[in-house]
C-alpha atoms as a PDB file:
ATOM      1  CA  UNK A   1      35.859 179.018 115.649  1.00  0.00           C
ATOM      2  CA  UNK A   2      34.844 177.649 112.256  1.00  0.00           C
ATOM      3  CA  UNK A   3      37.654 179.583 110.570  1.00  0.00           C
ATOM      4  CA  UNK A   4      40.199 178.208 113.044  1.00  0.00           C
ATOM      5  CA  UNK A   5      38.982 174.663 112.461  1.00  0.00           C
ATOM      6  CA  UNK A   6      39.071 175.146 108.692  1.00  0.00           C
ATOM      7  CA  UNK A   7      42.648 176.487 108.871  1.00  0.00           C
ATOM      8  CA  UNK A   8      43.707 173.489 110.940  1.00  0.00           C
ATOM      9  CA  UNK A   9      42.163 171.102 108.418  1.00  0.00           C
ATOM     10  CA  UNK A  10      43.933 172.880 105.558  1.00  0.00           C
ATOM     11  CA  UNK A  11      47.276 172.668 107.346  1.00  0.00           C
ATOM     12  CA  UNK A  12      46.730 168.967 108.035  1.00  0.00           C
ATOM     13  CA  UNK A  13      45.904 168.367 104.382  1.00  0.00           C
ATOM     14  CA  UNK A  14      49.070 170.208 103.317  1.00  0.00           C
ATOM     15  CA  UNK A  15      51.182 168.055 105.653  1.00  0.00           C
ATOM     16  CA  UNK A  16      49.522 164.880 104.350  1.00  0.00           C
ATOM     17  CA  UNK A  17      50.115 165.937 100.740  1.00  0.00           C
ATOM     18  CA  UNK A  18      53.761 166.741 101.495  1.00  0.00           C
ATOM     19  CA  UNK A  19      54.206 163.378 103.194  1.00  0.00           C
ATOM     20  CA  UNK A  20      52.596 161.537 100.275  1.00  0.00           C
ATOM     21  CA  UNK A  21      54.788 163.478  97.851  1.00  0.00           C
ATOM     22  CA  UNK A  22      57.974 162.617  99.716  1.00  0.00           C
ATOM     23  CA  UNK A  23      56.960 158.965  99.946  1.00  0.00           C
ATOM     24  CA  UNK A  24      56.188 158.886  96.219  1.00  0.00           C
ATOM     25  CA  UNK A  25      59.564 160.408  95.358  1.00  0.00           C
ATOM     26  CA  UNK A  26      61.360 157.929  97.653  1.00  0.00           C
ATOM     27  CA  UNK A  27      59.546 154.903  96.217  1.00  0.00           C
ATOM     28  CA  UNK A  28      60.095 156.193  92.718  1.00  0.00           C
ATOM     29  CA  UNK A  29      63.782 156.721  93.401  1.00  0.00           C
ATOM     30  CA  UNK A  30      64.109 153.167  94.642  1.00  0.00           C
ATOM     31  CA  UNK A  31      62.246 151.888  91.590  1.00  0.00           C
ATOM     32  CA  UNK A  32      64.272 153.828  89.022  1.00  0.00           C
ATOM     33  CA  UNK A  33      66.904 151.096  88.528  1.00  0.00           C
ATOM     34  CA  UNK A  34      64.107 148.543  88.016  1.00  0.00           C
ATOM     35  CA  UNK A  35      62.328 150.852  85.586  1.00  0.00           C
ATOM     36  CA  UNK A  36      65.553 151.488  83.672  1.00  0.00           C
ATOM     37  CA  UNK A  37      66.201 147.774  83.411  1.00  0.00           C
ATOM     38  CA  UNK A  38      62.596 147.121  82.405  1.00  0.00           C
ATOM     39  CA  UNK A  39      62.833 149.775  79.700  1.00  0.00           C
ATOM     40  CA  UNK A  40      66.135 148.276  78.585  1.00  0.00           C
ATOM     41  CA  UNK A  41      64.576 144.816  78.300  1.00  0.00           C
ATOM     42  CA  UNK A  42      61.569 146.100  76.373  1.00  0.00           C
ATOM     43  CA  UNK A  43      63.691 148.087  73.944  1.00  0.00           C
ATOM     44  CA  UNK A  44      63.935 146.429  70.494  1.00  0.00           C
ATOM     45  CA  UNK A  45      67.156 144.475  69.982  1.00  0.00           C
ATOM     46  CA  UNK A  46      68.700 142.388  67.270  1.00  0.00           C
ATOM     47  CA  UNK A  47      67.634 138.776  67.558  1.00  0.00           C
ATOM     48  CA  UNK A  48      71.161 137.402  67.951  1.00  0.00           C
ATOM     49  CA  UNK A  49      71.547 134.325  70.178  1.00  0.00           C
ATOM     50  CA  UNK A  50      73.442 135.143  73.367  1.00  0.00           C
ATOM     51  CA  UNK A  51      76.787 133.507  73.955  1.00  0.00           C
ATOM     52  CA  UNK A  52      79.104 133.183  76.928  1.00  0.00           C
ATOM     53  CA  UNK A  53      82.158 135.416  76.988  1.00  0.00           C
ATOM     54  CA  UNK A  54      85.002 135.642  79.507  1.00  0.00           C
ATOM     55  CA  UNK A  55      85.488 139.319  80.360  1.00  0.00           C
ATOM     56  CA  UNK A  56      88.475 140.683  82.261  1.00  0.00           C
ATOM     57  CA  UNK A  57      87.876 143.713  84.457  1.00  0.00           C
ATOM     58  CA  UNK A  58      91.312 145.265  85.116  1.00  0.00           C
ATOM     59  CA  UNK A  59      92.316 146.312  88.608  1.00  0.00           C
ATOM     60  CA  UNK A  60      91.657 150.009  89.145  1.00  0.00           C
ATOM     61  CA  UNK A  61      89.301 150.344  86.147  1.00  0.00           C
ATOM     62  CA  UNK A  62      86.785 153.182  86.384  1.00  0.00           C
ATOM     63  CA  UNK A  63      83.064 152.607  85.930  1.00  0.00           C
ATOM     64  CA  UNK A  64      83.255 154.259  82.498  1.00  0.00           C
ATOM     65  CA  UNK A  65      86.061 151.923  81.461  1.00  0.00           C
ATOM     66  CA  UNK A  66      84.146 148.898  82.758  1.00  0.00           C
ATOM     67  CA  UNK A  67      80.988 149.961  80.923  1.00  0.00           C
ATOM     68  CA  UNK A  68      82.952 150.421  77.689  1.00  0.00           C
ATOM     69  CA  UNK A  69      84.541 146.971  77.999  1.00  0.00           C
ATOM     70  CA  UNK A  70      81.103 145.433  78.491  1.00  0.00           C
ATOM     71  CA  UNK A  71      79.567 147.331  75.566  1.00  0.00           C
ATOM     72  CA  UNK A  72      82.502 146.608  73.241  1.00  0.00           C
ATOM     73  CA  UNK A  73      82.135 142.885  73.958  1.00  0.00           C
ATOM     74  CA  UNK A  74      78.378 142.899  73.467  1.00  0.00           C
ATOM     75  CA  UNK A  75      77.550 142.106  77.089  1.00  0.00           C
ATOM     76  CA  UNK A  76      75.320 145.205  77.327  1.00  0.00           C
ATOM     77  CA  UNK A  77      73.878 147.335  74.559  1.00  0.00           C
ATOM     78  CA  UNK A  78      74.456 150.681  76.259  1.00  0.00           C
ATOM     79  CA  UNK A  79      77.295 151.694  78.539  1.00  0.00           C
ATOM     80  CA  UNK A  80      75.232 154.731  79.525  1.00  0.00           C
ATOM     81  CA  UNK A  81      72.447 152.581  80.964  1.00  0.00           C
ATOM     82  CA  UNK A  82      74.873 150.604  83.140  1.00  0.00           C
ATOM     83  CA  UNK A  83      76.460 153.813  84.422  1.00  0.00           C
ATOM     84  CA  UNK A  84      73.013 155.274  85.131  1.00  0.00           C
ATOM     85  CA  UNK A  85      71.963 152.189  87.107  1.00  0.00           C
ATOM     86  CA  UNK A  86      75.225 152.250  89.066  1.00  0.00           C
ATOM     87  CA  UNK A  87      74.806 155.980  89.789  1.00  0.00           C
ATOM     88  CA  UNK A  88      71.239 155.614  91.032  1.00  0.00           C
ATOM     89  CA  UNK A  89      72.238 152.683  93.261  1.00  0.00           C
ATOM     90  CA  UNK A  90      75.297 154.534  94.550  1.00  0.00           C
ATOM     91  CA  UNK A  91      77.609 151.741  93.376  1.00  0.00           C
ATOM     92  CA  UNK A  92      79.914 153.557  90.988  1.00  0.00           C
ATOM     93  CA  UNK A  93      82.999 152.334  92.862  1.00  0.00           C
ATOM     94  CA  UNK A  94      81.826 148.860  93.871  1.00  0.00           C
ATOM     95  CA  UNK A  95      82.886 146.828  90.805  1.00  0.00           C
ATOM     96  CA  UNK A  96      85.598 144.241  91.583  1.00  0.00           C
ATOM     97  CA  UNK A  97      88.439 143.327  89.242  1.00  0.00           C
ATOM     98  CA  UNK A  98      88.755 139.816  87.853  1.00  0.00           C
ATOM     99  CA  UNK A  99      87.634 137.456  85.112  1.00  0.00           C
ATOM    100  CA  UNK A 100      83.897 136.948  84.737  1.00  0.00           C
ATOM    101  CA  UNK A 101      81.825 134.590  82.632  1.00  0.00           C
ATOM    102  CA  UNK A 102      79.057 136.758  81.141  1.00  0.00           C
ATOM    103  CA  UNK A 103      76.470 136.435  78.378  1.00  0.00           C
ATOM    104  CA  UNK A 104      76.008 138.841  75.519  1.00  0.00           C
ATOM    105  CA  UNK A 105      72.891 141.045  75.535  1.00  0.00           C
ATOM    106  CA  UNK A 106      72.541 140.785  79.291  1.00  0.00           C
ATOM    107  CA  UNK A 107      70.510 142.913  81.670  1.00  0.00           C
ATOM    108  CA  UNK A 108      72.728 145.797  82.925  1.00  0.00           C
ATOM    109  CA  UNK A 109      71.500 145.507  86.509  1.00  0.00           C
ATOM    110  CA  UNK A 110      72.217 141.779  86.635  1.00  0.00           C
ATOM    111  CA  UNK A 111      75.665 142.307  85.116  1.00  0.00           C
ATOM    112  CA  UNK A 112      76.381 144.997  87.692  1.00  0.00           C
ATOM    113  CA  UNK A 113      75.257 142.664  90.494  1.00  0.00           C
ATOM    114  CA  UNK A 114      77.761 140.021  89.357  1.00  0.00           C
ATOM    115  CA  UNK A 115      80.629 142.496  89.020  1.00  0.00           C
ATOM    116  CA  UNK A 116      79.935 143.816  92.504  1.00  0.00           C
ATOM    117  CA  UNK A 117      79.704 140.317  94.004  1.00  0.00           C
ATOM    118  CA  UNK A 118      83.272 139.513  92.898  1.00  0.00           C
ATOM    119  CA  UNK A 119      82.264 135.976  91.859  1.00  0.00           C
ATOM    120  CA  UNK A 120      85.095 135.659  89.377  1.00  0.00           C
ATOM    121  CA  UNK A 121      86.116 132.681  87.299  1.00  0.00           C
ATOM    122  CA  UNK A 122      88.989 130.673  88.757  1.00  0.00           C
ATOM    123  CA  UNK A 123      91.158 127.823  87.499  1.00  0.00           C
ATOM    124  CA  UNK A 124      92.278 125.436  90.228  1.00  0.00           C
ATOM    125  CA  UNK A 125      95.784 123.989  90.022  1.00  0.00           C
ATOM    126  CA  UNK A 126      96.508 121.386  92.704  1.00  0.00           C
ATOM    127  CA  UNK A 127     100.104 120.185  92.912  1.00  0.00           C
ATOM    128  CA  UNK A 128     100.580 117.139  95.184  1.00  0.00           C
ATOM    129  CA  UNK A 129     103.664 116.818  97.372  1.00  0.00           C
ATOM    130  CA  UNK A 130     106.449 114.946  95.624  1.00  0.00           C
ATOM    131  CA  UNK A 131     105.488 115.787  92.041  1.00  0.00           C
ATOM    132  CA  UNK A 132     108.440 116.565  89.796  1.00  0.00           C
ATOM    133  CA  UNK A 133     108.546 119.206  87.070  1.00  0.00           C
ATOM    134  CA  UNK A 134     107.512 116.675  84.416  1.00  0.00           C
ATOM    135  CA  UNK A 135     104.354 115.790  86.334  1.00  0.00           C
ATOM    136  CA  UNK A 136     103.623 119.445  87.061  1.00  0.00           C
ATOM    137  CA  UNK A 137     104.092 120.226  83.362  1.00  0.00           C
ATOM    138  CA  UNK A 138     101.373 117.662  82.649  1.00  0.00           C
ATOM    139  CA  UNK A 139      99.096 119.494  85.120  1.00  0.00           C
ATOM    140  CA  UNK A 140      99.794 122.795  83.337  1.00  0.00           C
ATOM    141  CA  UNK A 141      98.672 121.238  80.071  1.00  0.00           C
ATOM    142  CA  UNK A 142      95.617 119.547  81.594  1.00  0.00           C
ATOM    143  CA  UNK A 143      94.383 122.817  83.145  1.00  0.00           C
ATOM    144  CA  UNK A 144      95.125 124.813  79.997  1.00  0.00           C
ATOM    145  CA  UNK A 145      97.730 127.074  81.612  1.00  0.00           C
ATOM    146  CA  UNK A 146     100.275 126.244  78.928  1.00  0.00           C
ATOM    147  CA  UNK A 147     101.564 123.313  76.946  1.00  0.00           C
ATOM    148  CA  UNK A 148     103.824 120.780  78.663  1.00  0.00           C
ATOM    149  CA  UNK A 149     106.754 121.886  76.507  1.00  0.00           C
ATOM    150  CA  UNK A 150     106.235 125.589  77.292  1.00  0.00           C
ATOM    151  CA  UNK A 151     106.186 124.926  81.014  1.00  0.00           C
ATOM    152  CA  UNK A 152     109.351 122.797  80.932  1.00  0.00           C
ATOM    153  CA  UNK A 153     111.137 125.398  78.801  1.00  0.00           C
ATOM    154  CA  UNK A 154     110.222 128.110  81.321  1.00  0.00           C
ATOM    155  CA  UNK A 155     111.260 125.923  84.280  1.00  0.00           C
ATOM    156  CA  UNK A 156     114.694 125.411  82.696  1.00  0.00           C
ATOM    157  CA  UNK A 157     115.206 128.973  81.486  1.00  0.00           C
ATOM    158  CA  UNK A 158     118.554 130.087  82.925  1.00  0.00           C
ATOM    159  CA  UNK A 159     117.713 133.783  82.759  1.00  0.00           C
ATOM    160  CA  UNK A 160     114.408 133.122  84.546  1.00  0.00           C
ATOM    161  CA  UNK A 161     116.221 131.207  87.317  1.00  0.00           C
ATOM    162  CA  UNK A 162     118.686 134.074  87.617  1.00  0.00           C
ATOM    163  CA  UNK A 163     115.833 136.572  87.822  1.00  0.00           C
ATOM    164  CA  UNK A 164     114.306 134.532  90.656  1.00  0.00           C
ATOM    165  CA  UNK A 165     117.675 134.276  92.396  1.00  0.00           C
ATOM    166  CA  UNK A 166     117.646 130.470  92.418  1.00  0.00           C
ATOM    167  CA  UNK A 167     120.524 128.019  92.197  1.00  0.00           C
ATOM    168  CA  UNK A 168     120.247 124.917  90.028  1.00  0.00           C
ATOM    169  CA  UNK A 169     119.542 123.810  86.483  1.00  0.00           C
ATOM    170  CA  UNK A 170     115.750 124.126  86.751  1.00  0.00           C
ATOM    171  CA  UNK A 171     112.929 125.060  89.109  1.00  0.00           C
ATOM    172  CA  UNK A 172     112.778 121.468  90.345  1.00  0.00           C
ATOM    173  CA  UNK A 173     112.409 121.545  94.120  1.00  0.00           C
ATOM    174  CA  UNK A 174     111.270 125.174  94.262  1.00  0.00           C
ATOM    175  CA  UNK A 175     107.673 124.694  93.066  1.00  0.00           C
ATOM    176  CA  UNK A 176     105.839 124.419  96.346  1.00  0.00           C
ATOM    177  CA  UNK A 177     103.079 121.776  96.416  1.00  0.00           C
ATOM    178  CA  UNK A 178      99.783 123.513  97.112  1.00  0.00           C
ATOM    179  CA  UNK A 179      96.453 124.475  95.553  1.00  0.00           C
ATOM    180  CA  UNK A 180      96.637 127.604  93.425  1.00  0.00           C
ATOM    181  CA  UNK A 181      93.690 129.630  92.140  1.00  0.00           C
ATOM    182  CA  UNK A 182      94.322 131.303  88.805  1.00  0.00           C
ATOM    183  CA  UNK A 183      92.380 133.667  86.613  1.00  0.00           C
ATOM    184  CA  UNK A 184      91.621 132.496  83.048  1.00  0.00           C
ATOM    185  CA  UNK A 185      93.453 135.576  81.782  1.00  0.00           C
ATOM    186  CA  UNK A 186      96.632 134.155  83.368  1.00  0.00           C
ATOM    187  CA  UNK A 187      96.619 131.279  80.894  1.00  0.00           C
ATOM    188  CA  UNK A 188      99.348 131.268  78.300  1.00  0.00           C
ATOM    189  CA  UNK A 189     102.078 132.580  80.606  1.00  0.00           C
ATOM    190  CA  UNK A 190     103.655 129.664  82.518  1.00  0.00           C
ATOM    191  CA  UNK A 191     106.254 131.946  84.101  1.00  0.00           C
ATOM    192  CA  UNK A 192     103.548 133.953  85.847  1.00  0.00           C
ATOM    193  CA  UNK A 193     102.256 130.800  87.571  1.00  0.00           C
ATOM    194  CA  UNK A 194     105.738 129.403  88.222  1.00  0.00           C
ATOM    195  CA  UNK A 195     106.739 132.682  89.843  1.00  0.00           C
ATOM    196  CA  UNK A 196     103.799 132.386  92.215  1.00  0.00           C
ATOM    197  CA  UNK A 197     104.743 128.810  93.128  1.00  0.00           C
ATOM    198  CA  UNK A 198     108.341 129.838  93.819  1.00  0.00           C
ATOM    199  CA  UNK A 199     107.115 132.699  96.014  1.00  0.00           C
ATOM    200  CA  UNK A 200     105.013 130.226  98.006  1.00  0.00           C
ATOM    201  CA  UNK A 201     108.146 128.086  98.463  1.00  0.00           C
ATOM    202  CA  UNK A 202     110.078 131.131  99.646  1.00  0.00           C
ATOM    203  CA  UNK A 203     107.373 132.041 102.156  1.00  0.00           C
ATOM    204  CA  UNK A 204     107.616 128.590 103.760  1.00  0.00           C
ATOM    205  CA  UNK A 205     111.384 128.209 103.460  1.00  0.00           C
ATOM    206  CA  UNK A 206     112.301 131.622 104.844  1.00  0.00           C
ATOM    207  CA  UNK A 207     109.893 131.355 107.750  1.00  0.00           C
ATOM    208  CA  UNK A 208     110.454 127.750 108.840  1.00  0.00           C
ATOM    209  CA  UNK A 209     113.624 126.333 107.295  1.00  0.00           C
ATOM    210  CA  UNK A 210     116.234 128.972 106.508  1.00  0.00           C
ATOM    211  CA  UNK A 211     117.399 129.722 110.097  1.00  0.00           C
ATOM    212  CA  UNK A 212     118.191 126.045 110.822  1.00  0.00           C
ATOM    213  CA  UNK A 213     119.656 125.475 107.354  1.00  0.00           C
ATOM    214  CA  UNK A 214     122.103 128.301 107.885  1.00  0.00           C
ATOM    215  CA  UNK A 215     123.198 126.722 111.170  1.00  0.00           C
ATOM    216  CA  UNK A 216     124.013 123.559 109.214  1.00  0.00           C
ATOM    217  CA  UNK A 217     125.800 125.673 106.618  1.00  0.00           C
ATOM    218  CA  UNK A 218     123.511 124.277 103.920  1.00  0.00           C
ATOM    219  CA  UNK A 219     122.391 126.210 100.848  1.00  0.00           C
ATOM    220  CA  UNK A 220     118.728 126.207  99.751  1.00  0.00           C
ATOM    221  CA  UNK A 221     119.683 123.934  96.826  1.00  0.00           C
ATOM    222  CA  UNK A 222     121.210 121.366  99.188  1.00  0.00           C
ATOM    223  CA  UNK A 223     118.186 121.513 101.478  1.00  0.00           C
ATOM    224  CA  UNK A 224     115.609 121.080  98.709  1.00  0.00           C
ATOM    225  CA  UNK A 225     117.677 118.290  97.144  1.00  0.00           C
ATOM    226  CA  UNK A 226     117.751 116.293 100.375  1.00  0.00           C
ATOM    227  CA  UNK A 227     114.125 117.187 101.105  1.00  0.00           C
ATOM    228  CA  UNK A 228     113.101 115.841  97.682  1.00  0.00           C
ATOM    229  CA  UNK A 229     114.679 112.459  98.501  1.00  0.00           C
ATOM    230  CA  UNK A 230     112.914 112.424 101.866  1.00  0.00           C
ATOM    231  CA  UNK A 231     109.629 113.308 100.126  1.00  0.00           C
ATOM    232  CA  UNK A 232     109.920 110.363  97.732  1.00  0.00           C
ATOM    233  CA  UNK A 233     111.013 107.856 100.386  1.00  0.00           C
ATOM    234  CA  UNK A 234     109.150 108.743 103.603  1.00  0.00           C
ATOM    235  CA  UNK A 235     105.769 107.329 104.486  1.00  0.00           C
ATOM    236  CA  UNK A 236     103.300 108.487 107.125  1.00  0.00           C
ATOM    237  CA  UNK A 237     105.246 110.314 109.860  1.00  0.00           C
ATOM    238  CA  UNK A 238     108.688 108.911 109.020  1.00  0.00           C
ATOM    239  CA  UNK A 239     110.188 112.055 107.507  1.00  0.00           C
ATOM    240  CA  UNK A 240     112.580 112.796 110.386  1.00  0.00           C
ATOM    241  CA  UNK A 241     113.721 109.143 110.518  1.00  0.00           C
ATOM    242  CA  UNK A 242     114.409 108.984 106.780  1.00  0.00           C
ATOM    243  CA  UNK A 243     116.245 112.291 107.066  1.00  0.00           C
ATOM    244  CA  UNK A 244     118.396 110.817 109.856  1.00  0.00           C
ATOM    245  CA  UNK A 245     119.382 107.860 107.646  1.00  0.00           C
ATOM    246  CA  UNK A 246     120.527 110.202 104.875  1.00  0.00           C
ATOM    247  CA  UNK A 247     122.327 112.555 107.273  1.00  0.00           C
ATOM    248  CA  UNK A 248     124.126 109.620 108.914  1.00  0.00           C
ATOM    249  CA  UNK A 249     125.166 108.198 105.546  1.00  0.00           C
ATOM    250  CA  UNK A 250     126.446 111.548 104.329  1.00  0.00           C
ATOM    251  CA  UNK A 251     128.477 111.940 107.514  1.00  0.00           C
ATOM    252  CA  UNK A 252     130.027 108.469 107.015  1.00  0.00           C
ATOM    253  CA  UNK A 253     130.600 109.017 103.258  1.00  0.00           C
ATOM    254  CA  UNK A 254     128.194 106.178 102.440  1.00  0.00           C
ATOM    255  CA  UNK A 255     126.241 106.312  99.194  1.00  0.00           C
ATOM    256  CA  UNK A 256     122.652 107.312  99.788  1.00  0.00           C
ATOM    257  CA  UNK A 257     121.267 104.550  97.543  1.00  0.00           C
ATOM    258  CA  UNK A 258     117.845 106.123  97.210  1.00  0.00           C
ATOM    259  CA  UNK A 259     115.809 104.184  94.648  1.00  0.00           C
ATOM    260  CA  UNK A 260     113.846 107.150  93.200  1.00  0.00           C
ATOM    261  CA  UNK A 261     117.087 108.843  92.133  1.00  0.00           C
ATOM    262  CA  UNK A 262     118.022 106.084  89.697  1.00  0.00           C
ATOM    263  CA  UNK A 263     115.059 106.738  87.394  1.00  0.00           C
ATOM    264  CA  UNK A 264     114.770 110.520  87.705  1.00  0.00           C
ATOM    265  CA  UNK A 265     114.401 112.038  84.260  1.00  0.00           C
ATOM    266  CA  UNK A 266     114.577 108.598  82.657  1.00  0.00           C
ATOM    267  CA  UNK A 267     111.337 106.896  83.653  1.00  0.00           C
ATOM    268  CA  UNK A 268     108.061 108.106  85.146  1.00  0.00           C
ATOM    269  CA  UNK A 269     108.164 108.185  88.932  1.00  0.00           C
ATOM    270  CA  UNK A 270     106.641 105.013  90.332  1.00  0.00           C
ATOM    271  CA  UNK A 271     108.048 102.831  87.554  1.00  0.00           C
ATOM    272  CA  UNK A 272     109.507  99.462  88.462  1.00  0.00           C
ATOM    273  CA  UNK A 273     113.214  99.746  89.174  1.00  0.00           C
ATOM    274  CA  UNK A 274     115.396  97.102  87.528  1.00  0.00           C
ATOM    275  CA  UNK A 275     118.953  95.943  88.101  1.00  0.00           C
ATOM    276  CA  UNK A 276     119.910  97.793  84.915  1.00  0.00           C
ATOM    277  CA  UNK A 277     118.481 101.002  86.404  1.00  0.00           C
ATOM    278  CA  UNK A 278     120.581 100.575  89.546  1.00  0.00           C
ATOM    279  CA  UNK A 279     123.727 100.038  87.477  1.00  0.00           C
ATOM    280  CA  UNK A 280     123.104 102.828  84.971  1.00  0.00           C
ATOM    281  CA  UNK A 281     125.615 105.640  85.325  1.00  0.00           C
ATOM    282  CA  UNK A 282     124.037 109.054  85.354  1.00  0.00           C
ATOM    283  CA  UNK A 283     124.450 112.083  87.653  1.00  0.00           C
ATOM    284  CA  UNK A 284     121.341 111.465  89.762  1.00  0.00           C
ATOM    285  CA  UNK A 285     121.965 107.770  90.489  1.00  0.00           C
ATOM    286  CA  UNK A 286     122.873 107.671  94.188  1.00  0.00           C
ATOM    287  CA  UNK A 287     123.777 103.974  93.875  1.00  0.00           C
ATOM    288  CA  UNK A 288     126.621 104.977  91.554  1.00  0.00           C
ATOM    289  CA  UNK A 289     127.544 108.409  92.928  1.00  0.00           C
ATOM    290  CA  UNK A 290     128.455 109.537  96.426  1.00  0.00           C
ATOM    291  CA  UNK A 291     126.833 112.481  98.166  1.00  0.00           C
ATOM    292  CA  UNK A 292     123.687 114.307  97.189  1.00  0.00           C
ATOM    293  CA  UNK A 293     122.522 114.251  93.568  1.00  0.00           C
ATOM    294  CA  UNK A 294     123.189 117.469  91.607  1.00  0.00           C
ATOM    295  CA  UNK A 295     119.678 118.737  92.265  1.00  0.00           C
ATOM    296  CA  UNK A 296     116.218 117.833  93.556  1.00  0.00           C
ATOM    297  CA  UNK A 297     114.246 114.953  92.043  1.00  0.00           C
ATOM    298  CA  UNK A 298     110.840 116.305  93.102  1.00  0.00           C
ATOM    299  CA  UNK A 299     109.145 119.221  94.829  1.00  0.00           C
ATOM    300  CA  UNK A 300     108.998 118.609  98.580  1.00  0.00           C
ATOM    301  CA  UNK A 301     106.279 119.761 100.931  1.00  0.00           C
ATOM    302  CA  UNK A 302     106.676 121.531 104.253  1.00  0.00           C
ATOM    303  CA  UNK A 303     107.173 118.366 106.329  1.00  0.00           C
ATOM    304  CA  UNK A 304     110.020 117.128 104.145  1.00  0.00           C
ATOM    305  CA  UNK A 305     111.686 120.556 104.089  1.00  0.00           C
ATOM    306  CA  UNK A 306     111.577 120.701 107.880  1.00  0.00           C
ATOM    307  CA  UNK A 307     112.856 117.124 108.195  1.00  0.00           C
ATOM    308  CA  UNK A 308     115.812 117.887 105.917  1.00  0.00           C
ATOM    309  CA  UNK A 309     117.218 120.275 108.532  1.00  0.00           C
ATOM    310  CA  UNK A 310     115.782 118.534 111.616  1.00  0.00           C
ATOM    311  CA  UNK A 311     116.662 114.825 111.408  1.00  0.00           C
ATOM    312  CA  UNK A 312     115.688 112.476 114.222  1.00  0.00           C
ATOM    313  CA  UNK A 313     118.377 111.784 116.816  1.00  0.00           C
ATOM    314  CA  UNK A 314     118.947 108.129 115.847  1.00  0.00           C
ATOM    315  CA  UNK A 315     121.810 106.068 114.384  1.00  0.00           C
ATOM    316  CA  UNK A 316     119.842 104.361 111.625  1.00  0.00           C
ATOM    317  CA  UNK A 317     121.663 103.722 108.345  1.00  0.00           C
ATOM    318  CA  UNK A 318     119.121 101.557 106.526  1.00  0.00           C
ATOM    319  CA  UNK A 319     115.405 101.216 105.923  1.00  0.00           C
ATOM    320  CA  UNK A 320     113.228  98.808 103.959  1.00  0.00           C
ATOM    321  CA  UNK A 321     109.558  98.906 103.044  1.00  0.00           C
ATOM    322  CA  UNK A 322     107.258  96.763 105.185  1.00  0.00           C
ATOM    323  CA  UNK A 323     104.701  96.781 102.366  1.00  0.00           C
ATOM    324  CA  UNK A 324     102.119  98.423 104.599  1.00  0.00           C
ATOM    325  CA  UNK A 325     102.973 102.051 103.943  1.00  0.00           C
ATOM    326  CA  UNK A 326     105.784 102.188 106.502  1.00  0.00           C
ATOM    327  CA  UNK A 327     109.475 101.234 106.727  1.00  0.00           C
ATOM    328  CA  UNK A 328     111.616  99.144 109.033  1.00  0.00           C
ATOM    329  CA  UNK A 329     114.755 101.003 110.120  1.00  0.00           C
ATOM    330  CA  UNK A 330     118.072  99.415 111.084  1.00  0.00           C
ATOM    331  CA  UNK A 331     121.482 100.372 112.454  1.00  0.00           C
ATOM    332  CA  UNK A 332     123.533  97.577 110.840  1.00  0.00           C
ATOM    333  CA  UNK A 333     123.694  95.800 107.501  1.00  0.00           C
ATOM    334  CA  UNK A 334     123.171  92.426 109.172  1.00  0.00           C
ATOM    335  CA  UNK A 335     120.010  93.636 110.858  1.00  0.00           C
ATOM    336  CA  UNK A 336     118.841  95.289 107.642  1.00  0.00           C
ATOM    337  CA  UNK A 337     119.306  92.084 105.632  1.00  0.00           C
ATOM    338  CA  UNK A 338     117.213  90.211 108.159  1.00  0.00           C
ATOM    339  CA  UNK A 339     114.339  92.662 107.656  1.00  0.00           C
ATOM    340  CA  UNK A 340     114.779  92.581 103.893  1.00  0.00           C
ATOM    341  CA  UNK A 341     114.515  88.793 103.990  1.00  0.00           C
ATOM    342  CA  UNK A 342     111.331  89.075 106.028  1.00  0.00           C
ATOM    343  CA  UNK A 343     109.610  91.819 104.055  1.00  0.00           C
ATOM    344  CA  UNK A 344     111.121  91.567 100.581  1.00  0.00           C
ATOM    345  CA  UNK A 345     112.517  88.008 100.433  1.00  0.00           C
ATOM    346  CA  UNK A 346     115.553  89.406  98.669  1.00  0.00           C
ATOM    347  CA  UNK A 347     118.408  90.232 101.058  1.00  0.00           C
ATOM    348  CA  UNK A 348     120.786  92.795  99.668  1.00  0.00           C
ATOM    349  CA  UNK A 349     124.362  91.776  99.070  1.00  0.00           C
ATOM    350  CA  UNK A 350     125.907  95.185  98.977  1.00  0.00           C
ATOM    351  CA  UNK A 351     124.441  98.491 100.005  1.00  0.00           C
ATOM    352  CA  UNK A 352     127.497 100.672 100.431  1.00  0.00           C
END
């Protein structure tokens, strides 16, 4: 009886010892990354002040390649330690590509956490509806993507337009207004960003505009040219009405007489328009030339693109600003002059 009891106690003790051993190994395993990092922090290092560095992790890079990039740039002191931490944590394949803002002489575990989180650096480029290439070029310079001159040169590059399959003398009209998120490593190459903006235009145009445009027999250049005029003239929800005025005038061979066209490329948009501007002869002046101008004067948004091929079913031929953010539309010159006298105090003498 005593022997049986003693054997049972021994077996129980063995099971307890095994359980404690397994628990110790498990806890130790979980603590290894912390211990490695702690050892790494305690290891003697050169007393060099840390500095921030933008590091690019290429798409498809292996853990060894990532660790080498980090070591070569002084972010970590040992690529081996980072790989060991990743191996122990089972995160060898979890690093995400992108641009990261890191500090030299950083803790490997903390660096790995950031690379796994995918919290990359991004540059935000917001292009408002109706901006022309000159204004967008200013945005490129302000955000550090490229200089104004580099952007304009790229936007007018004939071979680049041919590569993109676009008609016209520049990318004016094809740079879709939107917010774009760019990696710092994309700086210095305006064509890369312009290509993305053109692709965004294509996505919208092909999905929403092209079928109707083809029914009209209009080319993309004609559509974006008209849409750019609508973009610069329409207020609030007037896009279809403004489009109708231009469509009706084109059908009747009337000059479009759109004010923004007379200063395109000559003055900043929004500048005061003078009598001399209206009388100046240049290709874009729709007071002097019949039909559409030779190309867009701005980059239209979705609503203007849709309105260009879907005008309202009205007979309006004229509109004048009511100075409240909207326009008054008219069918006849007599009616139009009455509204001009009311809202502008300067009735027009000739509008055709």
